[in-house]
């Protein structure tokens, strides 16, 4: 299966390298998902139903299934595919959090990068910018600045939030005032 046209990758592909040459190290941010449209179960079902109707018309009348039976089977298949995708992405998100947050053997850099690459390859955006407040909940602290406790994960194919991020309020950095430089008249 080839990658859809809306996947972008750095220009140096394996086909351009010479035999025996190692692949240059790449950061996980180099593989980004840029969908033309979001996946929507209703739209997919409509497209599948249209195609199924054309295929069914080619079947002899004696062997032809009912339109309702075909539509029910397609609907069940599309919904099951979306549930499976959501479950798979949730498991990868859990693995990413475990690899980055714990002190166990999975937290090696190799695991962190490979899991993050898998997430990005499946179209999951990892939001690690506290300025994108829509993807985060504030969990603790006082102050006017925020620091990230846990990143947010967004499925770019469907536009759904997989796991909201967590922010901690921290005191803002205040500019030190130099009272010695202020002279009183």
Protein backbone atom coordinates (compact mmCIF):
# COMPACT_ATOMS: atom_id res chain seq x y z
CA UNK A 1 0.00 0.00 0.00
CA UNK A 2 1.51 3.33 -0.97
CA UNK A 3 1.25 6.49 1.07
CA UNK A 4 -1.47 8.93 0.10
CA UNK A 5 -0.51 12.10 -1.71
CA UNK A 6 -1.05 14.23 1.38
CA UNK A 7 1.85 12.69 3.26
CA UNK A 8 5.03 14.72 3.04
CA UNK A 9 8.53 13.55 3.72
CA UNK A 10 11.96 15.02 3.43
CA UNK A 11 13.41 14.92 -0.10
CA UNK A 12 16.08 12.29 0.70
CA UNK A 13 14.15 9.08 0.23
CA UNK A 14 15.58 5.54 0.34
CA UNK A 15 15.29 5.37 -3.46
CA UNK A 16 17.74 8.27 -3.87
CA UNK A 17 20.48 6.74 -1.70
CA UNK A 18 23.21 4.53 -3.10
CA UNK A 19 23.44 0.91 -2.16
CA UNK A 20 25.12 0.37 1.21
CA UNK A 21 24.63 3.96 2.31
CA UNK A 22 22.99 4.38 5.67
CA UNK A 23 19.85 6.42 6.02
CA UNK A 24 20.56 9.81 7.61
CA UNK A 25 19.09 10.31 11.06
CA UNK A 26 15.70 12.01 10.91
CA UNK A 27 13.65 13.58 13.61
CA UNK A 28 10.06 12.43 13.99
CA UNK A 29 8.84 15.87 12.96
CA UNK A 30 9.87 15.23 9.35
CA UNK A 31 6.88 12.99 8.66
CA UNK A 32 3.74 15.07 8.88
CA UNK A 33 0.18 14.33 7.94
CA UNK A 34 -1.60 16.98 5.92
CA UNK A 35 -5.11 15.79 5.06
CA UNK A 36 -7.13 17.44 2.32
CA UNK A 37 -10.27 16.53 4.24
CA UNK A 38 -11.01 14.91 7.57
CA UNK A 39 -12.17 11.33 7.76
CA UNK A 40 -15.86 11.20 8.51
CA UNK A 41 -17.76 7.92 8.97
CA UNK A 42 -20.92 9.26 7.28
CA UNK A 43 -19.02 10.44 4.19
CA UNK A 44 -17.13 7.16 3.91
CA UNK A 45 -20.33 5.18 4.25
CA UNK A 46 -21.96 7.26 1.50
CA UNK A 47 -19.03 6.68 -0.86
CA UNK A 48 -18.91 2.96 -0.08
CA UNK A 49 -22.68 2.67 -0.58
CA UNK A 50 -22.50 4.32 -4.01
CA UNK A 51 -19.72 1.98 -5.10
CA UNK A 52 -21.52 -1.05 -3.62
CA UNK A 53 -24.71 -0.13 -5.50
CA UNK A 54 -22.81 -0.11 -8.81
CA UNK A 55 -21.23 -3.47 -8.00
CA UNK A 56 -24.56 -4.99 -6.95
CA UNK A 57 -26.19 -3.92 -10.21
CA UNK A 58 -23.71 -6.18 -12.02
CA UNK A 59 -24.88 -9.21 -10.00
CA UNK A 60 -27.77 -11.29 -11.43
CA UNK A 61 -31.17 -10.64 -9.79
CA UNK A 62 -31.36 -14.12 -8.26
CA UNK A 63 -28.09 -13.72 -6.34
CA UNK A 64 -28.44 -10.03 -5.50
CA UNK A 65 -28.54 -9.14 -1.76
CA UNK A 66 -31.03 -6.57 -0.52
CA UNK A 67 -30.00 -2.93 -0.40
CA UNK A 68 -30.72 -2.82 3.35
CA UNK A 69 -28.45 -5.80 4.05
CA UNK A 70 -25.58 -4.27 2.09
CA UNK A 71 -26.00 -0.89 3.77
CA UNK A 72 -26.10 -2.51 7.24
CA UNK A 73 -22.93 -4.50 6.55
CA UNK A 74 -21.11 -1.43 5.21
CA UNK A 75 -22.23 0.69 8.15
CA UNK A 76 -21.03 -1.91 10.64
CA UNK A 77 -17.69 -2.22 8.84
CA UNK A 78 -17.04 1.53 8.73
CA UNK A 79 -17.94 2.04 12.38
CA UNK A 80 -15.82 -0.93 13.45
CA UNK A 81 -12.86 0.42 11.46
CA UNK A 82 -13.13 3.78 13.21
CA UNK A 83 -13.37 2.12 16.65
CA UNK A 84 -10.33 -0.02 15.86
CA UNK A 85 -8.36 3.04 14.71
CA UNK A 86 -9.25 4.97 17.84
CA UNK A 87 -8.28 2.05 20.07
CA UNK A 88 -4.98 1.53 18.25
CA UNK A 89 -4.05 5.21 18.48
CA UNK A 90 -4.96 5.29 22.17
CA UNK A 91 -2.60 2.35 22.83
CA UNK A 92 0.22 4.10 20.96
CA UNK A 93 -0.40 7.28 22.95
CA UNK A 94 -0.16 5.27 26.18
CA UNK A 95 3.12 3.76 24.96
CA UNK A 96 4.48 7.20 24.09
CA UNK A 97 3.60 8.55 27.52
CA UNK A 98 5.16 5.53 29.21
CA UNK A 99 8.36 5.78 27.17
CA UNK A 100 8.78 9.46 27.95
CA UNK A 101 7.66 9.55 31.54
CA UNK A 102 8.99 6.59 33.40
CA UNK A 103 12.47 5.59 34.41
CA UNK A 104 12.14 2.03 33.15
CA UNK A 105 13.95 0.42 30.24
CA UNK A 106 11.36 1.62 27.72
CA UNK A 107 12.37 5.20 28.28
CA UNK A 108 15.48 4.91 26.12
CA UNK A 109 15.81 7.42 23.34
CA UNK A 110 15.40 4.69 20.72
CA UNK A 111 11.96 3.74 22.08
CA UNK A 112 10.89 7.35 22.45
CA UNK A 113 11.75 8.19 18.86
CA UNK A 114 10.31 5.02 17.37
CA UNK A 115 6.98 5.38 19.16
CA UNK A 116 6.76 9.07 18.27
CA UNK A 117 7.51 8.24 14.63
CA UNK A 118 4.75 5.64 14.66
CA UNK A 119 2.31 8.19 16.03
CA UNK A 120 3.28 10.78 13.45
CA UNK A 121 3.16 8.19 10.70
CA UNK A 122 -0.45 7.39 11.62
CA UNK A 123 -1.43 11.05 11.56
CA UNK A 124 -1.33 11.82 15.27
CA UNK A 125 -0.18 15.31 16.12
CA UNK A 126 1.59 15.68 19.45
CA UNK A 127 0.88 19.16 20.80
CA UNK A 128 3.68 20.36 23.04
CA UNK A 129 2.99 24.09 22.87
CA UNK A 130 1.15 25.55 25.87
CA UNK A 131 -0.10 28.39 23.66
CA UNK A 132 -2.57 25.96 22.03
CA UNK A 133 -4.82 26.02 25.10
CA UNK A 134 -7.78 24.31 23.38
CA UNK A 135 -6.01 20.96 23.69
CA UNK A 136 -5.10 21.26 27.38
CA UNK A 137 -6.64 21.28 30.84
CA UNK A 138 -5.07 23.10 33.78
CA UNK A 139 -4.44 20.64 36.59
CA UNK A 140 -2.59 22.53 39.32
CA UNK A 141 -0.53 25.50 40.39
CA UNK A 142 -0.78 29.24 40.74
CA UNK A 143 0.56 31.91 38.47
CA UNK A 144 0.04 33.44 35.08
CA UNK A 145 2.35 31.23 32.99
CA UNK A 146 1.91 27.58 32.06
CA UNK A 147 4.22 24.62 31.76
CA UNK A 148 3.31 21.34 30.13
CA UNK A 149 2.82 18.35 32.39
CA UNK A 150 1.62 16.05 29.60
CA UNK A 151 1.37 16.77 25.85
CA UNK A 152 -1.93 16.59 23.99
CA UNK A 153 -2.55 14.09 21.19
CA UNK A 154 -4.79 14.91 18.22
CA UNK A 155 -5.83 12.57 15.40
CA UNK A 156 -5.30 14.72 12.33
CA UNK A 157 -7.25 12.36 10.09
CA UNK A 158 -10.49 12.81 12.03
CA UNK A 159 -9.78 16.05 13.89
CA UNK A 160 -10.58 14.35 17.23
CA UNK A 161 -8.68 14.85 20.44
CA UNK A 162 -7.26 11.48 21.53
CA UNK A 163 -5.92 12.61 24.89
CA UNK A 164 -6.02 16.12 26.29
CA UNK A 165 -2.79 17.57 27.56
CA UNK A 166 -2.21 18.86 31.06
CA UNK A 167 -0.83 22.24 32.06
CA UNK A 168 0.51 23.44 35.39
CA UNK A 169 0.30 27.10 36.35
CA UNK A 170 3.66 28.56 37.35
CA UNK A 171 4.56 31.99 38.66
CA UNK A 172 5.49 34.40 35.90
CA UNK A 173 9.02 35.69 35.59
CA UNK A 174 9.05 39.25 36.77
CA UNK A 175 11.57 41.77 35.58
CA UNK A 176 13.97 42.56 38.40
CA UNK A 177 13.81 46.18 39.38
CA UNK A 178 17.08 47.80 40.20
CA UNK A 179 16.25 50.11 43.10
CA UNK A 180 19.84 51.36 43.30
CA UNK A 181 19.57 52.95 39.87
CA UNK A 182 16.52 54.93 40.87
CA UNK A 183 17.72 58.10 42.46
CA UNK A 184 15.44 60.21 44.55
CA UNK A 185 15.66 63.99 44.05
